[in-house]
């Protein structure tokens, strides 16, 4: 059951479309950030000879909170893209009646676990594959080492010490956070698909939730999961890695509880 769910989530047209869209969107984000007026002033003031592979890669997956849509584009796109492989994963089985056969073979608890794990893994694989592709493209464009372009303006934000010590370690931590984001938001999408019984509502609800949480907690429309270190000074209040993980765990719990509770409540309809 689990292998079949993972195969349906990952080896599917929605997944491939989401992967293509994510790579294109992040590359656009990187080029838009580098060509922005703020970045050009930083490069000119610092007299940097090269931007470097890791800086270009981090720009690709970083959401600026400076108010310029061109350099915060990815914050709007990522929750929508992450939702694509999993928004219809459960609903398609309900629509076709396949869920009846699946439940007879596996039982309700294994069925729920399989769907949740397959959705989470699809998010991780989507983010991980896109990051590797973008990193490779950034290396081909600019294989130089990445200088520290920015000085932090606050004492509390995730990975500060890593950034000061090593760009490579910072990029690895940043990438790990992105993988966690993919895992959480894929499961959240699955939960909302069960709530709404509509894949399109499932696609947009995590997007709305992300920006609602960002507005309430951080005074802007972007949660800090994809706010790059050099833009943290624009946030109205500092945040730590613990607060970042705590926020992810709350959203993960929402997704798991939604899907599990609604499935158990409605299971008699499916058999």
Foldseek 3Di string as FASTA:
>chain_A
DLVVLLCQLCVDPLLVVLLVVLLVQLLQLLVLVCPDPVNVVLCVVVVDPAQALLNSLLSSQFAFQPPDCSNRVVLLVVLLSLQRSQLCSVLVCQVVLVLLVVCVPQNDVVVLVSSLVSLLVSLLCSLVVSSVVSSVVSCVVGVDHHDLSADFDDDAEECPVVSVVDSVSSSVVLSVLSSLVSNLSSLLLNLVCLVVVDSVCSSCVVSVVQQVCCCVPWVGRHDRSRHDRRNQVVTPDHDHVVVVVVVSVVSSVSSSCSNSVSCVVCVVVSD
